[in-house]
Amino acid sequence: MTKIKVYSLEELYYHCYHYWKQSIDDFLMGKLEDWIKNELGLDSVSGQIAKIKDEYPAITDQYIKFLGLIDYFYESELDLLRKEIFKWENKAEWEKCKEKADYFMGQNKPEEAIKWYKKAIVFEENGKLYNNMGVACMHMGWYEDATYFLSKANAMEPDNVSILLNLTEVYMLKDNYEQSAKYLSQAAKLENSQKIWYYYGELYRNQGNEKEAIEFYKRAIEKGDSFDSFLRLASIYIKRREFETAEDYLEQIKSNFRNEVYWFQYAKLYEAWNKDDLAIDCVQKSIEKNNKYIPSWVALARLYRKKRKLDEAISAIDEAIKINEEDEEAKLERARILKEKGKKEEYQFSIKELIKKWVHRYRQNSV
C-alpha cells in the first residue's frame, strides 16, 4: 500500500509503527510473519508472533506485543500507539475502510481508493461515503459512475454544499452545463462564498465564455480567494498570449501560497512565452516544493526534450514514473522521448500499451 521497500527487521518495525494502518492487515493475515520467516530467516521471531496471536485475542494487544518483541521502541511510544490502535479497533468497519480509501486518495490513487469505498458501503450507506466514491470516480474519468454516487449522496444530504459543488463539477465534465448550473444555483442559495463564485467562473470558462469567467473569478478574489482564481486568470491570459497580464496575476499571489502548483503554472507561462530556460527554473522550484508532484517532472522532461537534452529528459520522466508507474501523462512523455532517441520498437510498444488502456476505459465508460 505504501510502496516503501524494507530490507531488514528494523526497517519492517519502523514501517509497522509509523504506517500501522497500512500494515495491520498484513500482520493479521500472517503476511508479515511469513516474510520474517522466509525472507529474513528469523524463525524464532516468527514463532513468537504466532504465540502472541494465540495468547491475546484483542488486535491492539497482539500488535503492540509484536512491536515489543525487539528492543526498538520506547515504552512511551508504544503506549501512544496502543491508544491509537484501540480507538481504531473500536471504530465501525465502514470507518476503517473509509480511512484506507482516504489514504489512497491522498496518494492520488483513486482506483485503489474505490475498492475500499466499495467495502465501506457494504457496511454502511451514508452521504459522505457516496460523495467520496463519486469524487474518486471523477478522478478516474468515470463520469457516469460519479454522477450515480454523487446523486445518491445528494439524496441523503440535499443541503450539503460540497456534494452540490461536486455535482456541479461532474456535469461540467460531461458538458451538461444546464444541469451543472442547476446544482450550482442550489449551492449558491445555501452559501455566498468565494468557492461559489469560483465555480461560476469554472462554469463559464468551460462553456468558452471567457469574459464572464473573468468577471466571476474577480468576484471570487474580492470575496477572499487568494489562489485558485488567480491561477485561472493567469491561465486564461496565457491562452490569449497576454503574457504580461498573466504574470501580473501570478505575482499577486502571496509568497506563503507559492506552492508546487504555483511554480508549475509559472513554468507554463514561460514555456508559452518561449522562455524555456526560465520555465525550467520554475519547474525545478515546483519540484523543490514537492518532489512527488508528477506534472512538474513531466514538464521538466518535456522541456529537456525540446532542448534535445534527452538523457536529462529520460531521468526526469523516470522520476515521475517512480512516483506513479501508472501515470499516463508520464508514460506518454516517456514514449515521445524514446522516439526522439531513435528507440523505435520501445516507442511503439509504449504507445500500444497506452492505446490498450484507453480502449479499455472507453469500453468501460460506454457500458
Protein backbone atom coordinates (compact mmCIF):
# COMPACT_ATOMS: atom_id res chain seq x y z
CA MET A 1 0.00 0.00 0.00
CA THR A 2 2.77 2.46 0.84
CA LYS A 3 5.24 1.21 -1.82
CA ILE A 4 8.03 1.66 0.76
CA LYS A 5 10.73 -1.01 0.44
CA VAL A 6 12.12 -2.67 3.56
CA TYR A 7 15.13 -4.96 3.79
CA SER A 8 15.59 -5.72 7.48
CA LEU A 9 13.62 -6.47 10.63
CA GLU A 10 14.37 -2.99 12.00
CA GLU A 11 13.07 -1.32 8.84
CA LEU A 12 9.97 -3.51 8.98
CA TYR A 13 9.34 -2.47 12.57
CA TYR A 14 9.79 1.20 11.72
CA HIS A 15 7.27 0.81 8.89
CA CYS A 16 4.81 -1.11 11.07
CA TYR A 17 4.94 1.60 13.73
CA HIS A 18 4.68 4.69 11.51
CA TYR A 19 2.34 3.13 8.91
CA TRP A 20 0.37 0.85 11.20
CA LYS A 21 -2.96 1.38 9.42
CA GLN A 22 -1.39 0.17 6.18
CA SER A 23 0.49 -2.71 7.89
CA ILE A 24 -2.01 -4.15 10.32
CA ASP A 25 -3.95 -6.24 7.76
CA ASP A 26 -0.73 -7.96 6.65
CA PHE A 27 0.05 -8.64 10.31
CA LEU A 28 -3.39 -10.11 11.00
CA MET A 29 -3.31 -12.27 7.85
CA GLY A 30 0.15 -13.63 8.68
CA LYS A 31 1.95 -11.99 5.74
CA LEU A 32 4.44 -10.15 7.97
CA GLU A 33 5.00 -13.33 9.92
CA ASP A 34 5.76 -15.27 6.71
CA TRP A 35 8.07 -12.52 5.41
CA ILE A 36 10.10 -12.54 8.63
CA LYS A 37 10.39 -16.32 8.45
CA ASN A 38 11.01 -16.80 4.71
CA GLU A 39 12.86 -13.62 3.67
CA LEU A 40 14.82 -12.86 6.83
CA GLY A 41 15.19 -16.44 8.07
CA LEU A 42 14.16 -15.44 11.59
CA ASP A 43 12.09 -18.47 12.60
CA SER A 44 12.27 -17.59 16.29
CA VAL A 45 10.70 -14.14 15.81
CA SER A 46 8.05 -15.60 13.50
CA GLY A 47 7.26 -18.24 16.12
CA GLN A 48 6.90 -15.63 18.84
CA ILE A 49 4.40 -13.69 16.69
CA ALA A 50 2.31 -16.85 16.25
CA LYS A 51 2.39 -17.38 20.01
CA ILE A 52 1.26 -13.79 20.66
CA LYS A 53 -1.73 -14.25 18.35
CA ASP A 54 -2.75 -17.38 20.26
CA GLU A 55 -2.41 -15.75 23.68
CA TYR A 56 -4.02 -12.34 23.07
CA PRO A 57 -7.48 -12.10 21.46
CA ALA A 58 -7.53 -8.28 21.06
CA ILE A 59 -5.92 -6.82 17.92
CA THR A 60 -4.43 -3.93 19.90
CA ASP A 61 -2.66 -6.26 22.35
CA GLN A 62 -1.41 -8.51 19.53
CA TYR A 63 0.08 -5.63 17.55
CA ILE A 64 1.72 -3.88 20.50
CA LYS A 65 3.21 -7.16 21.77
CA PHE A 66 4.55 -7.79 18.25
CA LEU A 67 6.19 -4.34 18.18
CA GLY A 68 7.66 -5.03 21.62
CA LEU A 69 9.42 -8.24 20.55
CA ILE A 70 12.62 -6.37 19.71
CA ASP A 71 14.08 -3.51 21.74
CA TYR A 72 13.33 -0.87 19.12
CA PHE A 73 10.71 1.49 20.62
CA TYR A 74 10.42 3.30 23.93
CA GLU A 75 7.53 2.24 26.16
CA SER A 76 6.11 5.75 25.83
CA GLU A 77 5.99 5.32 22.03
CA LEU A 78 4.19 2.00 22.33
CA ASP A 79 1.72 3.46 24.84
CA LEU A 80 0.81 6.26 22.42
CA LEU A 81 0.31 3.79 19.60
CA ARG A 82 -1.71 1.46 21.84
CA LYS A 83 -4.26 4.26 22.37
CA GLU A 84 -4.48 4.97 18.63
CA ILE A 85 -4.98 1.33 17.68
CA PHE A 86 -7.52 0.79 20.47
CA LYS A 87 -9.61 3.68 19.14
CA TRP A 88 -9.30 2.30 15.61
CA GLU A 89 -10.17 -1.25 16.71
CA ASN A 90 -13.41 0.01 18.23
CA LYS A 91 -14.43 2.03 15.20
CA ALA A 92 -17.15 0.82 12.89
CA GLU A 93 -15.94 -1.31 9.97
CA TRP A 94 -17.06 1.26 7.41
CA GLU A 95 -14.91 3.94 9.08
CA LYS A 96 -11.84 1.70 8.92
CA CYS A 97 -12.40 1.05 5.22
CA LYS A 98 -13.05 4.75 4.60
CA GLU A 99 -9.75 5.68 6.27
CA LYS A 100 -7.86 3.33 3.95
CA ALA A 101 -9.73 4.71 0.94
CA ASP A 102 -8.97 8.29 2.02
CA TYR A 103 -5.30 7.34 2.37
CA PHE A 104 -5.21 6.18 -1.25
CA MET A 105 -6.97 9.36 -2.41
CA GLY A 106 -4.28 11.33 -0.59
CA GLN A 107 -1.70 9.30 -2.53
CA ASN A 108 -3.53 10.14 -5.79
CA LYS A 109 -4.53 6.50 -6.32
CA PRO A 110 -8.29 6.74 -6.87
CA GLU A 111 -8.63 3.23 -8.34
CA GLU A 112 -7.31 1.70 -5.10
CA ALA A 113 -9.48 4.08 -3.07
CA ILE A 114 -12.60 2.93 -4.92
CA LYS A 115 -12.01 -0.67 -3.80
CA TRP A 116 -12.05 0.41 -0.14
CA TYR A 117 -15.00 2.79 -0.55
CA LYS A 118 -16.97 -0.14 -2.01
CA LYS A 119 -16.12 -2.23 1.05
CA ALA A 120 -17.14 0.63 3.33
CA ILE A 121 -20.52 0.96 1.58
CA VAL A 122 -21.23 -2.73 2.24
CA PHE A 123 -21.12 -1.94 5.98
CA GLU A 124 -22.75 1.50 5.89
CA GLU A 125 -24.51 3.71 3.36
CA ASN A 126 -24.18 7.42 4.02
CA GLY A 127 -23.77 10.67 2.11
CA LYS A 128 -20.12 11.10 2.98
CA LEU A 129 -19.15 7.69 1.57
CA TYR A 130 -21.18 8.14 -1.61
CA ASN A 131 -19.71 11.61 -2.08
CA ASN A 132 -16.12 10.36 -1.69
CA MET A 133 -16.85 7.45 -4.00
CA GLY A 134 -18.18 9.88 -6.59
CA VAL A 135 -15.09 12.07 -6.33
CA ALA A 136 -12.82 9.03 -6.75
CA CYS A 137 -14.76 8.01 -9.87
CA MET A 138 -14.39 11.55 -11.21
CA HIS A 139 -10.62 11.28 -10.78
CA MET A 140 -10.73 8.07 -12.83
CA GLY A 141 -12.75 9.74 -15.58
CA TRP A 142 -15.77 7.52 -14.85
CA TYR A 143 -18.27 10.34 -15.04
CA GLU A 144 -21.46 8.26 -15.25
CA ASP A 145 -20.45 6.31 -12.14
CA ALA A 146 -19.50 9.58 -10.42
CA THR A 147 -22.92 11.05 -11.25
CA TYR A 148 -24.67 7.99 -9.81
CA PHE A 149 -22.81 8.06 -6.48
CA LEU A 150 -22.97 11.84 -6.09
CA SER A 151 -26.71 11.79 -6.81
CA LYS A 152 -27.16 9.20 -4.04
CA ALA A 153 -25.09 11.40 -1.72
CA ASN A 154 -27.25 14.41 -2.62
CA ALA A 155 -30.45 12.46 -1.93
CA MET A 156 -29.14 11.71 1.58
CA GLU A 157 -27.75 15.20 2.24
CA PRO A 158 -29.59 17.66 -0.05
CA ASP A 159 -28.21 20.75 1.70
CA ASN A 160 -24.56 19.71 1.62
CA VAL A 161 -22.73 22.39 -0.39
CA SER A 162 -19.68 20.19 -1.05
CA ILE A 163 -21.84 17.49 -2.65
CA LEU A 164 -23.71 20.09 -4.73
CA LEU A 165 -20.41 21.53 -5.97
CA ASN A 166 -19.13 18.05 -6.83
CA LEU A 167 -22.30 17.51 -8.88
CA THR A 168 -21.69 20.89 -10.49
CA GLU A 169 -18.21 19.74 -11.45
CA VAL A 170 -19.15 16.31 -12.78
CA TYR A 171 -21.88 17.75 -15.01
CA MET A 172 -19.36 20.30 -16.29
CA LEU A 173 -17.04 17.42 -17.16
CA LYS A 174 -19.92 15.79 -19.03
CA ASP A 175 -20.58 19.08 -20.90
CA ASN A 176 -24.07 19.20 -19.41
CA TYR A 177 -23.96 22.85 -18.41
CA GLU A 178 -27.70 23.15 -17.76
CA GLN A 179 -27.57 20.53 -15.00
CA SER A 180 -24.29 21.94 -13.74
CA ALA A 181 -25.85 25.39 -13.40
CA LYS A 182 -28.86 23.88 -11.61
CA TYR A 183 -26.72 22.35 -8.83
CA LEU A 184 -24.52 25.43 -8.61
CA SER A 185 -27.60 27.61 -8.17
CA GLN A 186 -28.77 25.36 -5.30
CA ALA A 187 -25.35 25.68 -3.65
CA ALA A 188 -25.40 29.48 -4.09
CA LYS A 189 -28.71 29.68 -2.20
CA LEU A 190 -27.06 27.94 0.76
CA GLU A 191 -23.72 29.76 0.75
CA ASN A 192 -22.30 33.03 -0.55
CA SER A 193 -18.59 32.29 -0.66
CA GLN A 194 -15.51 32.62 -2.81
CA LYS A 195 -15.91 28.95 -3.74
CA ILE A 196 -19.36 29.59 -5.26
CA TRP A 197 -18.08 32.47 -7.41
CA TYR A 198 -15.05 30.40 -8.43
CA TYR A 199 -17.35 27.62 -9.65
CA TYR A 200 -19.37 30.15 -11.63
CA GLY A 201 -16.09 31.16 -13.22
CA GLU A 202 -15.40 27.49 -13.99
CA LEU A 203 -18.87 27.04 -15.47
CA TYR A 204 -18.47 29.96 -17.87
CA ARG A 205 -14.87 29.08 -18.72
CA ASN A 206 -15.91 25.55 -19.68
CA GLN A 207 -18.61 27.00 -21.93
CA GLY A 208 -15.99 29.13 -23.66
CA ASN A 209 -17.33 32.40 -22.25
CA GLU A 210 -14.03 33.82 -21.01
CA LYS A 211 -15.43 37.33 -20.49
CA GLU A 212 -17.98 36.14 -17.93
CA ALA A 213 -15.49 33.70 -16.41
CA ILE A 214 -13.01 36.52 -15.78
CA GLU A 215 -15.67 38.58 -14.01
CA PHE A 216 -16.63 35.73 -11.70
CA TYR A 217 -13.01 34.87 -10.91
CA LYS A 218 -12.53 38.52 -9.96
CA ARG A 219 -15.61 38.32 -7.71
CA ALA A 220 -14.13 35.24 -6.04
CA ILE A 221 -10.93 37.23 -5.41
CA GLU A 222 -12.96 40.09 -3.91
CA LYS A 223 -14.66 37.50 -1.68
CA GLY A 224 -11.29 36.28 -0.40
CA ASP A 225 -9.95 33.74 -2.90
CA SER A 226 -6.18 34.02 -2.64
CA PHE A 227 -5.07 31.27 -5.01
CA ASP A 228 -7.36 29.33 -7.41
CA SER A 229 -8.93 32.29 -9.19
CA PHE A 230 -5.53 33.95 -9.70
CA LEU A 231 -4.27 30.77 -11.35
CA ARG A 232 -7.32 30.54 -13.59
CA LEU A 233 -6.98 34.18 -14.65
CA ALA A 234 -3.30 33.61 -15.41
CA SER A 235 -4.23 30.54 -17.46
CA ILE A 236 -6.81 32.48 -19.49
CA TYR A 237 -4.33 35.24 -20.29
CA ILE A 238 -1.63 32.71 -21.20
CA LYS A 239 -4.08 31.22 -23.69
CA ARG A 240 -4.73 34.72 -25.04
CA ARG A 241 -0.96 35.24 -25.25
CA GLU A 242 -1.27 38.29 -22.99
CA PHE A 243 1.77 37.16 -21.04
CA GLU A 244 2.40 40.33 -19.01
CA THR A 245 -1.17 40.27 -17.67
CA ALA A 246 -0.84 36.56 -16.81
CA GLU A 247 2.41 37.28 -15.00
CA ASP A 248 0.78 40.12 -13.09
CA TYR A 249 -1.89 37.78 -11.69
CA LEU A 250 0.71 35.22 -10.68
CA GLU A 251 2.76 37.90 -8.96
CA GLN A 252 -0.28 38.91 -6.89
CA ILE A 253 -0.33 35.52 -5.17
CA LYS A 254 1.22 35.86 -1.73
CA SER A 255 4.54 34.14 -1.07
CA ASN A 256 3.08 31.72 1.51
CA PHE A 257 0.75 30.32 -1.20
CA ARG A 258 3.50 29.79 -3.75
CA ASN A 259 3.48 26.01 -3.75
CA GLU A 260 4.35 23.42 -6.39
CA VAL A 261 1.18 24.20 -8.38
CA TYR A 262 2.02 27.91 -8.44
CA TRP A 263 5.52 27.34 -9.82
CA PHE A 264 4.18 24.80 -12.31
CA GLN A 265 1.76 27.44 -13.62
CA TYR A 266 4.62 29.94 -13.86
CA ALA A 267 6.57 27.35 -15.88
CA LYS A 268 3.60 27.02 -18.26
CA LEU A 269 3.61 30.79 -18.70
CA TYR A 270 7.31 30.92 -19.57
CA GLU A 271 7.07 27.90 -21.87
CA ALA A 272 4.24 29.56 -23.83
CA TRP A 273 6.31 32.77 -23.84
CA ASN A 274 9.23 30.83 -25.44
CA LYS A 275 11.39 31.40 -22.38
CA ASP A 276 12.30 27.76 -21.82
CA ASP A 277 15.26 28.39 -19.52
CA LEU A 278 13.03 30.36 -17.14
CA ALA A 279 10.39 27.64 -17.46
CA ILE A 280 12.94 25.03 -16.37
CA ASP A 281 13.88 27.18 -13.37
CA CYS A 282 10.22 27.39 -12.33
CA VAL A 283 9.65 23.67 -12.77
CA GLN A 284 12.67 22.97 -10.59
CA LYS A 285 11.26 25.33 -7.94
CA SER A 286 8.00 23.38 -8.14
CA ILE A 287 9.86 20.12 -7.56
CA GLU A 288 11.74 21.67 -4.63
CA LYS A 289 8.36 22.45 -3.08
CA ASN A 290 7.09 18.92 -3.67
CA ASN A 291 9.28 16.28 -5.29
CA LYS A 292 6.27 13.95 -5.60
CA TYR A 293 4.39 16.33 -7.90
CA ILE A 294 4.27 14.36 -11.15
CA PRO A 295 3.14 17.18 -13.55
CA SER A 296 6.35 19.09 -12.82
CA TRP A 297 8.57 16.07 -13.53
CA VAL A 298 6.68 15.53 -16.79
CA ALA A 299 7.06 19.23 -17.69
CA LEU A 300 10.78 19.11 -16.89
CA ALA A 301 11.19 16.06 -19.14
CA ARG A 302 9.28 17.80 -21.95
CA LEU A 303 11.38 20.96 -21.65
CA TYR A 304 14.61 18.96 -21.73
CA ARG A 305 13.31 17.03 -24.74
CA LYS A 306 12.61 20.30 -26.57
CA LYS A 307 16.20 21.36 -25.89
CA ARG A 308 17.42 17.93 -27.13
CA LYS A 309 18.81 17.08 -23.69
CA LEU A 310 17.42 13.57 -23.97
CA ASP A 311 19.41 11.94 -21.17
CA GLU A 312 18.21 14.60 -18.74
CA ALA A 313 14.68 14.17 -20.13
CA ILE A 314 14.65 10.43 -19.55
CA SER A 315 15.98 10.91 -16.00
CA ALA A 316 13.19 13.37 -15.23
CA ILE A 317 10.44 11.17 -16.65
CA ASP A 318 11.79 8.14 -14.78
CA GLU A 319 11.34 10.14 -11.55
CA ALA A 320 7.69 10.71 -12.48
CA ILE A 321 7.14 7.02 -13.16
CA LYS A 322 8.81 6.07 -9.87
CA ILE A 323 6.16 8.12 -8.09
CA ASN A 324 3.30 6.51 -10.02
CA GLU A 325 4.08 3.88 -12.60
CA GLU A 326 0.52 4.11 -13.97
CA ASP A 327 0.55 7.85 -14.71
CA GLU A 328 -0.46 8.17 -18.35
CA GLU A 329 0.99 11.63 -19.00
CA ALA A 330 4.36 10.38 -17.78
CA LYS A 331 4.13 7.25 -19.93
CA LEU A 332 3.18 9.28 -22.99
CA GLU A 333 6.08 11.70 -22.48
CA ARG A 334 8.45 8.77 -21.99
CA ALA A 335 7.28 7.34 -25.33
CA ARG A 336 8.00 10.69 -27.02
CA ILE A 337 11.49 10.78 -25.56
CA LEU A 338 12.16 7.21 -26.72
CA LYS A 339 11.06 8.25 -30.21
CA GLU A 340 13.46 11.20 -30.14
CA LYS A 341 16.24 8.88 -29.02
CA GLY A 342 15.59 6.66 -32.05
CA LYS A 343 14.31 3.71 -29.98
CA LYS A 344 11.51 2.89 -32.40
CA GLU A 345 10.49 -0.53 -31.02
CA GLU A 346 10.32 0.67 -27.40
CA TYR A 347 8.35 3.71 -28.53
CA GLN A 348 5.83 1.60 -30.47
CA PHE A 349 5.41 -0.83 -27.59
CA SER A 350 4.77 2.03 -25.13
CA ILE A 351 2.17 3.61 -27.42
CA LYS A 352 0.39 0.28 -27.95
CA GLU A 353 0.14 -0.28 -24.20
CA LEU A 354 -1.37 3.19 -23.71
CA ILE A 355 -3.85 2.67 -26.54
CA LYS A 356 -4.96 -0.63 -24.99
CA LYS A 357 -5.66 1.17 -21.73
CA TRP A 358 -7.56 3.99 -23.46
CA VAL A 359 -9.68 1.50 -25.44
CA HIS A 360 -10.47 -0.43 -22.24
CA ARG A 361 -11.52 2.77 -20.49
CA TYR A 362 -13.66 3.84 -23.47
CA ARG A 363 -15.45 0.47 -23.46
CA GLN A 364 -15.99 0.65 -19.71
CA ASN A 365 -17.42 4.18 -19.96
CA SER A 366 -19.64 3.13 -22.88
CA VAL A 367 -21.08 0.27 -20.84
